[in-house]
């Protein structure tokens, strides 16, 4: 039993922030697409801010060497597109 049993810094839960953000961002960006907006609207309201938040946290940890930067950046970008789509829908309905 010479192998260490303590987890390394690559075993941190922060490694999952980027991929989680990417999946939530994909759902959120789908809600910004006009023809699919009504089908995924409830999930888009929830997924867009979560993707943005998890993506920014994933970028923070990726800069420290924990996790991958590209998944966090892609998830953050898709989350921002989803937030913009949700806000555009709210503004359009409010002025209608």
N, C-alpha and C. Protein backbone atom coordinates (compact mmCIF):
# COMPACT_ATOMS: atom_id res chain seq x y z
N UNK A 1 0.83 -1.18 0.00
CA UNK A 1 0.00 0.00 0.00
C UNK A 1 0.88 1.25 0.00
N UNK A 2 1.74 1.34 -0.98
CA UNK A 2 2.63 2.48 -1.05
C UNK A 2 2.01 3.67 -1.78
N UNK A 3 0.91 3.47 -2.46
CA UNK A 3 0.26 4.57 -3.19
C UNK A 3 -0.51 5.46 -2.21
N UNK A 4 -0.44 6.77 -2.42
CA UNK A 4 -1.18 7.67 -1.51
C UNK A 4 -2.69 7.54 -1.72
N UNK A 5 -3.42 7.66 -0.65
CA UNK A 5 -4.87 7.55 -0.73
C UNK A 5 -5.56 8.91 -0.70
N UNK A 6 -4.82 9.97 -0.45
CA UNK A 6 -5.42 11.31 -0.42
C UNK A 6 -5.72 11.76 -1.85
N UNK A 7 -6.85 12.42 -2.06
CA UNK A 7 -7.18 12.88 -3.42
C UNK A 7 -6.26 14.02 -3.85
N UNK A 8 -5.98 14.06 -5.14
CA UNK A 8 -5.16 15.12 -5.69
C UNK A 8 -6.01 16.32 -6.07
N UNK A 9 -5.37 17.39 -6.50
CA UNK A 9 -6.13 18.59 -6.87
C UNK A 9 -6.91 18.39 -8.16
N UNK A 10 -6.54 17.40 -8.95
CA UNK A 10 -7.29 17.10 -10.18
C UNK A 10 -8.56 16.30 -9.88
N UNK A 11 -8.73 15.85 -8.66
CA UNK A 11 -9.92 15.10 -8.26
C UNK A 11 -10.97 15.99 -7.62
N UNK A 12 -10.80 17.27 -7.71
CA UNK A 12 -11.71 18.23 -7.09
C UNK A 12 -13.05 18.27 -7.82
N UNK A 13 -14.13 18.56 -7.10
CA UNK A 13 -15.42 18.74 -7.78
C UNK A 13 -15.42 19.92 -8.75
N UNK A 14 -14.45 20.83 -8.62
CA UNK A 14 -14.38 21.98 -9.52
C UNK A 14 -14.09 21.57 -10.96
N UNK A 15 -13.59 20.34 -11.15
CA UNK A 15 -13.33 19.85 -12.50
C UNK A 15 -14.63 19.73 -13.28
N UNK A 16 -15.74 19.50 -12.61
CA UNK A 16 -17.03 19.30 -13.26
C UNK A 16 -17.74 20.60 -13.61
N UNK A 17 -17.22 21.75 -13.20
CA UNK A 17 -17.92 23.01 -13.47
C UNK A 17 -17.97 23.33 -14.96
N UNK A 18 -16.87 23.11 -15.68
CA UNK A 18 -16.84 23.40 -17.11
C UNK A 18 -17.81 22.55 -17.92
N UNK A 19 -17.74 21.21 -17.79
CA UNK A 19 -18.69 20.38 -18.54
C UNK A 19 -20.15 20.61 -18.14
N UNK A 20 -20.41 20.86 -16.87
CA UNK A 20 -21.77 21.16 -16.44
C UNK A 20 -22.26 22.45 -17.07
N UNK A 21 -21.39 23.44 -17.11
CA UNK A 21 -21.73 24.70 -17.75
C UNK A 21 -21.97 24.53 -19.24
N UNK A 22 -21.20 23.67 -19.87
CA UNK A 22 -21.38 23.43 -21.30
C UNK A 22 -22.73 22.79 -21.61
N UNK A 23 -23.14 21.83 -20.81
CA UNK A 23 -24.43 21.16 -21.03
C UNK A 23 -25.58 22.14 -20.74
N UNK A 24 -25.50 22.85 -19.62
CA UNK A 24 -26.55 23.82 -19.31
C UNK A 24 -26.58 24.96 -20.33
N UNK A 25 -25.42 25.36 -20.83
CA UNK A 25 -25.35 26.39 -21.86
C UNK A 25 -25.98 25.94 -23.16
N UNK A 26 -25.81 24.68 -23.51
CA UNK A 26 -26.44 24.16 -24.72
C UNK A 26 -27.96 24.19 -24.60
N UNK A 27 -28.48 23.84 -23.43
CA UNK A 27 -29.93 23.92 -23.21
C UNK A 27 -30.39 25.38 -23.26
N UNK A 28 -29.62 26.26 -22.65
CA UNK A 28 -29.99 27.68 -22.62
C UNK A 28 -29.93 28.30 -24.01
N UNK A 29 -28.92 27.97 -24.79
CA UNK A 29 -28.80 28.52 -26.14
C UNK A 29 -29.89 27.98 -27.06
N UNK A 30 -30.34 26.77 -26.81
CA UNK A 30 -31.46 26.24 -27.58
C UNK A 30 -32.71 27.06 -27.33
N UNK A 31 -32.86 27.58 -26.12
CA UNK A 31 -34.00 28.42 -25.80
C UNK A 31 -33.95 29.77 -26.48
N UNK A 32 -32.79 30.20 -26.93
CA UNK A 32 -32.67 31.46 -27.65
C UNK A 32 -33.02 31.32 -29.13
N UNK A 33 -33.09 30.07 -29.62
CA UNK A 33 -33.45 29.83 -31.01
C UNK A 33 -34.96 30.01 -31.17
N UNK A 34 -35.40 30.87 -32.09
CA UNK A 34 -36.83 31.22 -32.16
C UNK A 34 -37.79 30.04 -32.36
N UNK A 35 -37.41 29.08 -33.18
CA UNK A 35 -38.35 27.99 -33.45
C UNK A 35 -38.42 26.98 -32.31
N UNK A 36 -37.40 26.93 -31.46
CA UNK A 36 -37.40 26.00 -30.34
C UNK A 36 -37.66 26.66 -29.00
N UNK A 37 -37.91 27.96 -29.00
CA UNK A 37 -38.00 28.72 -27.76
C UNK A 37 -39.12 28.22 -26.86
N UNK A 38 -40.29 27.99 -27.40
CA UNK A 38 -41.42 27.58 -26.56
C UNK A 38 -41.27 26.16 -26.04
N UNK A 39 -40.52 25.32 -26.76
CA UNK A 39 -40.36 23.93 -26.32
C UNK A 39 -39.47 23.82 -25.09
N UNK A 40 -38.45 24.66 -24.99
CA UNK A 40 -37.50 24.56 -23.88
C UNK A 40 -37.51 25.79 -22.99
N UNK A 41 -38.56 26.57 -23.06
CA UNK A 41 -38.61 27.82 -22.30
C UNK A 41 -38.45 27.65 -20.79
N UNK A 42 -39.13 26.70 -20.15
CA UNK A 42 -38.95 26.58 -18.70
C UNK A 42 -37.52 26.21 -18.31
N UNK A 43 -36.90 25.33 -19.09
CA UNK A 43 -35.52 24.93 -18.79
C UNK A 43 -34.53 26.04 -19.11
N UNK A 44 -34.85 26.83 -20.11
CA UNK A 44 -33.94 27.91 -20.49
C UNK A 44 -33.86 28.99 -19.42
N UNK A 45 -34.99 29.28 -18.78
CA UNK A 45 -34.99 30.27 -17.69
C UNK A 45 -34.05 29.84 -16.55
N UNK A 46 -33.99 28.55 -16.29
CA UNK A 46 -33.17 28.04 -15.20
C UNK A 46 -31.74 27.79 -15.66
N UNK A 47 -31.58 27.23 -16.85
CA UNK A 47 -30.26 26.81 -17.32
C UNK A 47 -29.36 27.98 -17.69
N UNK A 48 -29.90 29.07 -18.20
CA UNK A 48 -29.06 30.18 -18.66
C UNK A 48 -28.25 30.82 -17.52
N UNK A 49 -28.88 31.24 -16.42
CA UNK A 49 -28.06 31.82 -15.35
C UNK A 49 -27.13 30.81 -14.68
N UNK A 50 -27.58 29.55 -14.59
CA UNK A 50 -26.71 28.53 -14.00
C UNK A 50 -25.49 28.27 -14.87
N UNK A 51 -25.68 28.22 -16.19
CA UNK A 51 -24.55 28.02 -17.09
C UNK A 51 -23.56 29.17 -17.00
N UNK A 52 -24.07 30.38 -16.90
CA UNK A 52 -23.20 31.55 -16.77
C UNK A 52 -22.43 31.50 -15.45
N UNK A 53 -23.10 31.18 -14.38
CA UNK A 53 -22.45 31.12 -13.07
C UNK A 53 -21.43 29.98 -12.99
N UNK A 54 -21.83 28.79 -13.40
CA UNK A 54 -20.91 27.65 -13.35
C UNK A 54 -19.74 27.87 -14.31
N UNK A 55 -19.99 28.49 -15.44
CA UNK A 55 -18.91 28.75 -16.39
C UNK A 55 -17.89 29.73 -15.86
N UNK A 56 -18.35 30.78 -15.21
CA UNK A 56 -17.41 31.75 -14.63
C UNK A 56 -16.61 31.12 -13.50
N UNK A 57 -17.25 30.29 -12.69
CA UNK A 57 -16.52 29.58 -11.64
C UNK A 57 -15.54 28.58 -12.25
N UNK A 58 -15.94 27.92 -13.34
CA UNK A 58 -15.05 26.99 -14.02
C UNK A 58 -13.84 27.69 -14.62
N UNK A 59 -14.03 28.90 -15.14
CA UNK A 59 -12.90 29.68 -15.66
C UNK A 59 -11.95 30.03 -14.52
N UNK A 60 -12.49 30.41 -13.39
CA UNK A 60 -11.67 30.74 -12.23
C UNK A 60 -10.78 29.56 -11.83
N UNK A 61 -11.38 28.38 -11.73
CA UNK A 61 -10.60 27.21 -11.33
C UNK A 61 -9.68 26.73 -12.44
N UNK A 62 -10.07 26.88 -13.70
CA UNK A 62 -9.20 26.48 -14.80
C UNK A 62 -7.94 27.33 -14.85
N UNK A 63 -8.05 28.58 -14.46
CA UNK A 63 -6.86 29.43 -14.41
C UNK A 63 -5.90 28.97 -13.31
N UNK A 64 -6.40 28.24 -12.32
CA UNK A 64 -5.56 27.70 -11.26
C UNK A 64 -5.05 26.30 -11.60
N UNK A 65 -5.43 25.78 -12.76
CA UNK A 65 -4.97 24.47 -13.19
C UNK A 65 -5.90 23.33 -12.86
N UNK A 66 -7.12 23.63 -12.43
CA UNK A 66 -8.09 22.59 -12.09
C UNK A 66 -9.20 22.64 -13.13
N UNK A 67 -9.31 21.61 -13.93
CA UNK A 67 -10.34 21.58 -14.97
C UNK A 67 -9.81 22.12 -16.30
N UNK A 68 -10.69 22.15 -17.29
CA UNK A 68 -10.31 22.60 -18.63
C UNK A 68 -10.93 23.94 -18.94
N UNK A 69 -10.14 24.77 -19.57
CA UNK A 69 -10.58 26.13 -19.86
C UNK A 69 -11.61 26.16 -20.99
N UNK A 70 -11.43 25.35 -22.03
CA UNK A 70 -12.30 25.46 -23.19
C UNK A 70 -13.75 25.09 -22.87
N UNK A 71 -13.97 24.12 -21.99
CA UNK A 71 -15.35 23.77 -21.66
C UNK A 71 -16.01 24.88 -20.84
N UNK A 72 -15.24 25.49 -19.95
CA UNK A 72 -15.79 26.57 -19.13
C UNK A 72 -16.10 27.80 -19.98
N UNK A 73 -15.22 28.12 -20.92
CA UNK A 73 -15.45 29.29 -21.79
C UNK A 73 -16.63 29.03 -22.72
N UNK A 74 -16.70 27.84 -23.29
CA UNK A 74 -17.82 27.52 -24.18
C UNK A 74 -19.15 27.54 -23.42
N UNK A 75 -19.17 26.99 -22.21
CA UNK A 75 -20.39 27.01 -21.41
C UNK A 75 -20.80 28.41 -21.00
N UNK A 76 -19.81 29.25 -20.67
CA UNK A 76 -20.11 30.63 -20.31
C UNK A 76 -20.67 31.39 -21.51
N UNK A 77 -20.10 31.17 -22.67
CA UNK A 77 -20.58 31.84 -23.88
C UNK A 77 -22.01 31.41 -24.21
N UNK A 78 -22.26 30.12 -24.15
CA UNK A 78 -23.62 29.64 -24.43
C UNK A 78 -24.60 30.12 -23.36
N UNK A 79 -24.16 30.19 -22.13
CA UNK A 79 -25.01 30.72 -21.07
C UNK A 79 -25.34 32.18 -21.28
N UNK A 80 -24.36 32.96 -21.75
CA UNK A 80 -24.61 34.38 -22.05
C UNK A 80 -25.58 34.53 -23.20
N UNK A 81 -25.48 33.66 -24.20
CA UNK A 81 -26.45 33.68 -25.31
C UNK A 81 -27.84 33.35 -24.79
N UNK A 82 -27.92 32.38 -23.89
CA UNK A 82 -29.22 32.02 -23.30
C UNK A 82 -29.81 33.13 -22.46
N UNK A 83 -28.97 33.81 -21.67
CA UNK A 83 -29.46 34.94 -20.87
C UNK A 83 -29.94 36.06 -21.78
N UNK A 84 -29.19 36.33 -22.85
CA UNK A 84 -29.61 37.37 -23.80
C UNK A 84 -30.94 36.99 -24.46
N UNK A 85 -31.12 35.73 -24.78
CA UNK A 85 -32.38 35.29 -25.38
C UNK A 85 -33.55 35.43 -24.43
N UNK A 86 -33.34 35.07 -23.17
CA UNK A 86 -34.40 35.20 -22.16
C UNK A 86 -34.75 36.67 -21.94
N UNK A 87 -33.74 37.51 -21.82
CA UNK A 87 -33.99 38.94 -21.63
C UNK A 87 -34.68 39.56 -22.84
N UNK A 88 -34.29 39.14 -24.04
CA UNK A 88 -34.95 39.63 -25.25
C UNK A 88 -36.42 39.24 -25.27
N UNK A 89 -36.71 38.02 -24.86
CA UNK A 89 -38.11 37.56 -24.81
C UNK A 89 -38.90 38.36 -23.79
N UNK A 90 -38.32 38.62 -22.64
CA UNK A 90 -39.02 39.39 -21.60
C UNK A 90 -39.29 40.81 -22.06
N UNK A 91 -38.29 41.44 -22.69
CA UNK A 91 -38.47 42.81 -23.18
C UNK A 91 -39.51 42.85 -24.30
N UNK A 92 -39.48 41.85 -25.18
CA UNK A 92 -40.45 41.83 -26.28
C UNK A 92 -41.87 41.66 -25.76
N UNK A 93 -42.04 40.82 -24.74
CA UNK A 93 -43.38 40.62 -24.18
C UNK A 93 -43.83 41.83 -23.36
N UNK A 94 -42.89 42.52 -22.74
CA UNK A 94 -43.24 43.67 -21.92
C UNK A 94 -43.67 44.87 -22.77
N UNK A 95 -43.10 45.00 -23.94
CA UNK A 95 -43.44 46.15 -24.80
C UNK A 95 -44.55 45.83 -25.78
N UNK A 96 -45.02 44.62 -25.78
CA UNK A 96 -46.05 44.23 -26.73
C UNK A 96 -47.35 44.65 -26.24
